[in-house]
Amino acid sequence: MPRSLHRLSSLEVSRKRKPGLFADGGNLYLSVSNVHSKSWIFRYSRNGATKDMGLGSLNAVSLAQARELAGEHRNQLANGIDPLAKRGAARQQAATEAAKSITFREAAETYMRGQEPGW
């Protein structure tokens, strides 16, 4: 039986209330929590381990955007790139760049100004 993509419709997504994971196809899932919050999950296996990658809440990411993101991540997997590792590396790079943008002197002066009222 062939796997199908785009099993969920916008109306179905908005009506889901029962907690669980609901497949849209192509490793994309709608996750509904016990408190009825909804988010998108990209689920894949790499080296025998199943990984869940959050794509964002339903309020921030539409069904169409989630499908597009899932497609990008499937392409990365096809090219031998782990999407979670790539996102982690990008976050680490951004944190490193942010840390480099402030000097020790600026950090120390900011800290002293913040602590001064309690001294």
N, C-alpha and C. Protein backbone atom coordinates (compact mmCIF):
# COMPACT_ATOMS: atom_id res chain seq x y z
N MET A 1 0.84 -1.18 0.00
CA MET A 1 0.00 0.00 0.00
C MET A 1 0.89 1.25 0.00
N PRO A 2 0.73 2.14 -0.96
CA PRO A 2 1.59 3.32 -1.04
C PRO A 2 1.28 4.31 0.10
N ARG A 3 2.33 4.97 0.52
CA ARG A 3 2.16 5.99 1.55
C ARG A 3 1.61 7.24 0.90
N SER A 4 0.78 7.94 1.62
CA SER A 4 0.19 9.14 1.05
C SER A 4 0.63 10.37 1.83
N LEU A 5 0.69 11.48 1.12
CA LEU A 5 1.00 12.76 1.72
C LEU A 5 -0.29 13.57 1.86
N HIS A 6 -0.24 14.54 2.72
CA HIS A 6 -1.33 15.50 2.89
C HIS A 6 -2.65 14.83 3.27
N ARG A 7 -2.60 14.01 4.30
CA ARG A 7 -3.81 13.33 4.75
C ARG A 7 -4.73 14.24 5.56
N LEU A 8 -4.17 15.25 6.20
CA LEU A 8 -4.97 16.14 7.04
C LEU A 8 -5.41 17.37 6.24
N SER A 9 -6.60 17.84 6.56
CA SER A 9 -7.06 19.09 5.97
C SER A 9 -7.02 20.17 7.06
N SER A 10 -7.11 21.41 6.67
CA SER A 10 -7.10 22.50 7.65
C SER A 10 -8.27 22.37 8.62
N LEU A 11 -9.40 21.95 8.12
CA LEU A 11 -10.58 21.78 8.98
C LEU A 11 -10.35 20.67 9.99
N GLU A 12 -9.78 19.55 9.55
CA GLU A 12 -9.49 18.45 10.47
C GLU A 12 -8.50 18.88 11.56
N VAL A 13 -7.50 19.63 11.15
CA VAL A 13 -6.49 20.10 12.10
C VAL A 13 -7.13 20.97 13.17
N SER A 14 -8.01 21.87 12.75
CA SER A 14 -8.65 22.78 13.72
C SER A 14 -9.61 22.04 14.65
N ARG A 15 -10.16 20.92 14.19
CA ARG A 15 -11.13 20.18 15.00
C ARG A 15 -10.53 19.12 15.92
N LYS A 16 -9.27 18.79 15.74
CA LYS A 16 -8.65 17.75 16.56
C LYS A 16 -8.61 18.20 18.02
N ARG A 17 -9.15 17.36 18.90
CA ARG A 17 -9.16 17.65 20.33
C ARG A 17 -8.56 16.51 21.15
N LYS A 18 -8.66 15.30 20.63
CA LYS A 18 -8.17 14.13 21.36
C LYS A 18 -6.64 14.14 21.37
N PRO A 19 -6.00 14.00 22.55
CA PRO A 19 -4.54 13.99 22.62
C PRO A 19 -3.94 12.86 21.80
N GLY A 20 -2.82 13.14 21.15
CA GLY A 20 -2.12 12.12 20.38
C GLY A 20 -1.38 12.72 19.21
N LEU A 21 -0.80 11.83 18.40
CA LEU A 21 -0.11 12.22 17.18
C LEU A 21 -0.97 11.84 15.98
N PHE A 22 -1.15 12.77 15.06
CA PHE A 22 -1.98 12.53 13.90
C PHE A 22 -1.13 12.77 12.65
N ALA A 23 -0.98 11.72 11.84
CA ALA A 23 -0.08 11.75 10.69
C ALA A 23 -0.68 12.52 9.52
N ASP A 24 0.15 13.36 8.92
CA ASP A 24 -0.21 14.03 7.67
C ASP A 24 0.49 13.36 6.50
N GLY A 25 1.48 12.54 6.79
CA GLY A 25 2.27 11.89 5.76
C GLY A 25 3.61 12.58 5.60
N GLY A 26 4.58 11.85 5.09
CA GLY A 26 5.89 12.43 4.87
C GLY A 26 6.59 12.81 6.15
N ASN A 27 6.39 12.03 7.21
CA ASN A 27 7.04 12.22 8.52
C ASN A 27 6.51 13.43 9.28
N LEU A 28 5.43 14.03 8.84
CA LEU A 28 4.85 15.19 9.51
C LEU A 28 3.67 14.74 10.36
N TYR A 29 3.66 15.20 11.62
CA TYR A 29 2.60 14.84 12.55
C TYR A 29 2.07 16.08 13.26
N LEU A 30 0.78 16.05 13.53
CA LEU A 30 0.16 17.05 14.39
C LEU A 30 0.11 16.44 15.78
N SER A 31 0.70 17.12 16.74
CA SER A 31 0.70 16.66 18.12
C SER A 31 -0.32 17.47 18.91
N VAL A 32 -1.27 16.77 19.54
CA VAL A 32 -2.27 17.42 20.38
C VAL A 32 -2.01 16.97 21.81
N SER A 33 -1.79 17.92 22.71
CA SER A 33 -1.49 17.59 24.10
C SER A 33 -2.77 17.45 24.91
N ASN A 34 -2.59 17.08 26.17
CA ASN A 34 -3.75 16.91 27.06
C ASN A 34 -4.51 18.21 27.29
N VAL A 35 -3.84 19.34 27.15
CA VAL A 35 -4.51 20.63 27.35
C VAL A 35 -4.94 21.24 26.02
N HIS A 36 -5.01 20.41 24.99
CA HIS A 36 -5.47 20.79 23.65
C HIS A 36 -4.56 21.77 22.93
N SER A 37 -3.30 21.91 23.37
CA SER A 37 -2.37 22.71 22.58
C SER A 37 -1.90 21.83 21.43
N LYS A 38 -1.64 22.46 20.31
CA LYS A 38 -1.30 21.73 19.09
C LYS A 38 0.03 22.23 18.54
N SER A 39 0.83 21.29 18.07
CA SER A 39 2.11 21.65 17.48
C SER A 39 2.46 20.65 16.39
N TRP A 40 3.43 21.04 15.56
CA TRP A 40 3.88 20.20 14.46
C TRP A 40 5.16 19.49 14.83
N ILE A 41 5.24 18.21 14.49
CA ILE A 41 6.40 17.37 14.78
C ILE A 41 6.87 16.74 13.47
N PHE A 42 8.18 16.78 13.24
CA PHE A 42 8.79 16.04 12.14
C PHE A 42 9.49 14.85 12.79
N ARG A 43 9.04 13.65 12.51
CA ARG A 43 9.56 12.43 13.13
C ARG A 43 10.33 11.62 12.09
N TYR A 44 11.54 11.22 12.46
CA TYR A 44 12.37 10.44 11.54
C TYR A 44 13.28 9.51 12.33
N SER A 45 13.84 8.54 11.64
CA SER A 45 14.78 7.61 12.26
C SER A 45 16.15 7.84 11.66
N ARG A 46 17.14 7.81 12.51
CA ARG A 46 18.52 7.99 12.08
C ARG A 46 19.40 7.09 12.93
N ASN A 47 20.14 6.21 12.29
CA ASN A 47 21.03 5.28 12.98
C ASN A 47 20.28 4.44 14.03
N GLY A 48 19.08 4.03 13.69
CA GLY A 48 18.29 3.18 14.57
C GLY A 48 17.55 3.89 15.68
N ALA A 49 17.68 5.19 15.78
CA ALA A 49 17.00 5.96 16.82
C ALA A 49 15.93 6.85 16.19
N THR A 50 14.75 6.85 16.78
CA THR A 50 13.68 7.73 16.32
C THR A 50 13.84 9.08 16.97
N LYS A 51 13.76 10.13 16.16
CA LYS A 51 13.92 11.50 16.65
C LYS A 51 12.69 12.32 16.30
N ASP A 52 12.29 13.16 17.22
CA ASP A 52 11.18 14.09 17.00
C ASP A 52 11.74 15.50 16.96
N MET A 53 11.42 16.21 15.90
CA MET A 53 11.88 17.58 15.73
C MET A 53 10.67 18.51 15.71
N GLY A 54 10.59 19.39 16.68
CA GLY A 54 9.48 20.33 16.74
C GLY A 54 9.59 21.37 15.64
N LEU A 55 8.48 21.63 14.99
CA LEU A 55 8.47 22.64 13.92
C LEU A 55 7.75 23.91 14.34
N GLY A 56 7.06 23.87 15.47
CA GLY A 56 6.36 25.04 15.97
C GLY A 56 4.92 24.75 16.30
N SER A 57 4.31 25.67 17.01
CA SER A 57 2.91 25.49 17.40
C SER A 57 1.99 25.79 16.23
N LEU A 58 0.79 25.31 16.34
CA LEU A 58 -0.20 25.54 15.28
C LEU A 58 -0.48 27.03 15.12
N ASN A 59 -0.36 27.79 16.21
CA ASN A 59 -0.59 29.23 16.14
C ASN A 59 0.49 29.94 15.33
N ALA A 60 1.71 29.41 15.34
CA ALA A 60 2.83 30.06 14.66
C ALA A 60 3.10 29.50 13.28
N VAL A 61 2.77 28.21 13.07
CA VAL A 61 3.10 27.54 11.82
C VAL A 61 1.83 26.93 11.23
N SER A 62 1.48 27.35 10.04
CA SER A 62 0.28 26.82 9.38
C SER A 62 0.54 25.43 8.84
N LEU A 63 -0.51 24.77 8.41
CA LEU A 63 -0.39 23.44 7.81
C LEU A 63 0.51 23.49 6.57
N ALA A 64 0.32 24.49 5.74
CA ALA A 64 1.14 24.63 4.52
C ALA A 64 2.61 24.85 4.86
N GLN A 65 2.88 25.69 5.86
CA GLN A 65 4.26 25.94 6.26
C GLN A 65 4.89 24.69 6.85
N ALA A 66 4.12 23.94 7.65
CA ALA A 66 4.63 22.71 8.24
C ALA A 66 4.98 21.70 7.15
N ARG A 67 4.14 21.60 6.15
CA ARG A 67 4.41 20.69 5.03
C ARG A 67 5.68 21.10 4.29
N GLU A 68 5.87 22.39 4.11
CA GLU A 68 7.07 22.89 3.43
C GLU A 68 8.32 22.58 4.24
N LEU A 69 8.26 22.83 5.55
CA LEU A 69 9.39 22.52 6.42
C LEU A 69 9.71 21.02 6.42
N ALA A 70 8.67 20.21 6.48
CA ALA A 70 8.87 18.75 6.47
C ALA A 70 9.54 18.33 5.16
N GLY A 71 9.15 18.93 4.05
CA GLY A 71 9.77 18.63 2.77
C GLY A 71 11.24 18.98 2.75
N GLU A 72 11.58 20.13 3.34
CA GLU A 72 12.99 20.54 3.41
C GLU A 72 13.79 19.55 4.25
N HIS A 73 13.20 19.10 5.35
CA HIS A 73 13.90 18.16 6.23
C HIS A 73 14.04 16.78 5.58
N ARG A 74 13.04 16.38 4.81
CA ARG A 74 13.16 15.11 4.07
C ARG A 74 14.30 15.18 3.06
N ASN A 75 14.43 16.33 2.40
CA ASN A 75 15.53 16.52 1.44
C ASN A 75 16.89 16.46 2.15
N GLN A 76 16.97 17.06 3.32
CA GLN A 76 18.21 17.00 4.09
C GLN A 76 18.56 15.55 4.44
N LEU A 77 17.56 14.79 4.88
CA LEU A 77 17.80 13.39 5.21
C LEU A 77 18.26 12.61 3.98
N ALA A 78 17.66 12.90 2.85
CA ALA A 78 18.04 12.22 1.61
C ALA A 78 19.48 12.53 1.22
N ASN A 79 19.97 13.70 1.62
CA ASN A 79 21.35 14.10 1.34
C ASN A 79 22.31 13.71 2.46
N GLY A 80 21.82 12.93 3.43
CA GLY A 80 22.68 12.46 4.52
C GLY A 80 22.89 13.45 5.63
N ILE A 81 22.04 14.46 5.73
CA ILE A 81 22.17 15.49 6.76
C ILE A 81 21.10 15.26 7.82
N ASP A 82 21.51 15.25 9.08
CA ASP A 82 20.57 15.12 10.19
C ASP A 82 19.98 16.50 10.47
N PRO A 83 18.66 16.70 10.27
CA PRO A 83 18.07 18.04 10.46
C PRO A 83 18.21 18.59 11.87
N LEU A 84 18.10 17.73 12.89
CA LEU A 84 18.25 18.20 14.27
C LEU A 84 19.68 18.65 14.54
N ALA A 85 20.64 17.90 14.05
CA ALA A 85 22.05 18.26 14.23
C ALA A 85 22.35 19.57 13.50
N LYS A 86 21.79 19.73 12.32
CA LYS A 86 22.01 20.96 11.55
C LYS A 86 21.43 22.16 12.29
N ARG A 87 20.21 22.01 12.83
CA ARG A 87 19.59 23.11 13.57
C ARG A 87 20.38 23.43 14.83
N GLY A 88 20.87 22.39 15.52
CA GLY A 88 21.69 22.60 16.71
C GLY A 88 22.97 23.33 16.39
N ALA A 89 23.61 22.97 15.29
CA ALA A 89 24.84 23.64 14.88
C ALA A 89 24.57 25.10 14.54
N ALA A 90 23.45 25.36 13.89
CA ALA A 90 23.09 26.74 13.54
C ALA A 90 22.84 27.57 14.80
N ARG A 91 22.18 26.98 15.78
CA ARG A 91 21.93 27.69 17.05
C ARG A 91 23.24 27.95 17.78
N GLN A 92 24.13 26.97 17.78
CA GLN A 92 25.43 27.14 18.42
C GLN A 92 26.22 28.23 17.74
N GLN A 93 26.18 28.26 16.42
CA GLN A 93 26.89 29.29 15.66
C GLN A 93 26.33 30.68 16.00
N ALA A 94 25.01 30.80 16.09
CA ALA A 94 24.38 32.08 16.42
C ALA A 94 24.77 32.52 17.83
N ALA A 95 24.82 31.58 18.77
CA ALA A 95 25.20 31.90 20.14
C ALA A 95 26.65 32.35 20.20
N THR A 96 27.50 31.70 19.43
CA THR A 96 28.92 32.06 19.39
C THR A 96 29.09 33.47 18.82
N GLU A 97 28.37 33.75 17.74
CA GLU A 97 28.45 35.09 17.13
C GLU A 97 27.93 36.16 18.09
N ALA A 98 26.85 35.84 18.81
CA ALA A 98 26.31 36.81 19.76
C ALA A 98 27.30 37.06 20.90
N ALA A 99 27.96 36.01 21.34
CA ALA A 99 28.94 36.17 22.41
C ALA A 99 30.14 36.98 21.95
N LYS A 100 30.50 36.87 20.71
CA LYS A 100 31.64 37.61 20.18
C LYS A 100 31.31 39.09 19.96
N SER A 101 30.03 39.41 19.87
CA SER A 101 29.65 40.79 19.55
C SER A 101 29.77 41.72 20.75
N ILE A 102 29.95 41.20 21.95
CA ILE A 102 30.09 42.03 23.14
C ILE A 102 31.46 41.75 23.75
N THR A 103 32.12 42.81 24.16
CA THR A 103 33.45 42.64 24.76
C THR A 103 33.31 42.33 26.24
N PHE A 104 34.40 41.88 26.83
CA PHE A 104 34.38 41.60 28.26
C PHE A 104 34.10 42.88 29.04
N ARG A 105 34.70 43.97 28.61
CA ARG A 105 34.50 45.26 29.31
C ARG A 105 33.02 45.65 29.30
N GLU A 106 32.37 45.52 28.13
CA GLU A 106 30.94 45.86 28.03
C GLU A 106 30.11 44.95 28.93
N ALA A 107 30.44 43.67 28.94
CA ALA A 107 29.71 42.72 29.77
C ALA A 107 29.88 43.06 31.25
N ALA A 108 31.11 43.40 31.65
CA ALA A 108 31.38 43.73 33.05
C ALA A 108 30.64 45.01 33.46
N GLU A 109 30.68 46.02 32.60
CA GLU A 109 30.00 47.28 32.91
C GLU A 109 28.49 47.08 33.00
N THR A 110 27.93 46.29 32.12
CA THR A 110 26.50 46.00 32.16
C THR A 110 26.15 45.27 33.45
N TYR A 111 26.96 44.32 33.83
CA TYR A 111 26.73 43.57 35.07
C TYR A 111 26.79 44.50 36.27
N MET A 112 27.81 45.36 36.32
CA MET A 112 27.96 46.26 37.47
C MET A 112 26.79 47.24 37.56
N ARG A 113 26.33 47.75 36.42
CA ARG A 113 25.17 48.66 36.44
C ARG A 113 23.94 47.93 36.96
N GLY A 114 23.77 46.68 36.58
CA GLY A 114 22.62 45.91 37.04
C GLY A 114 22.67 45.56 38.51
N GLN A 115 23.87 45.38 39.05
CA GLN A 115 24.03 44.98 40.45
C GLN A 115 24.16 46.18 41.39
N GLU A 116 24.44 47.35 40.86
CA GLU A 116 24.70 48.54 41.66
C GLU A 116 23.60 48.88 42.67
N PRO A 117 22.31 48.77 42.33
CA PRO A 117 21.28 49.11 43.32
C PRO A 117 21.34 48.25 44.58
N GLY A 118 21.81 47.04 44.48
CA GLY A 118 21.87 46.15 45.65
C GLY A 118 23.13 46.28 46.46
N TRP A 119 24.09 47.10 46.00
CA TRP A 119 25.35 47.23 46.71
C TRP A 119 25.25 48.27 47.77
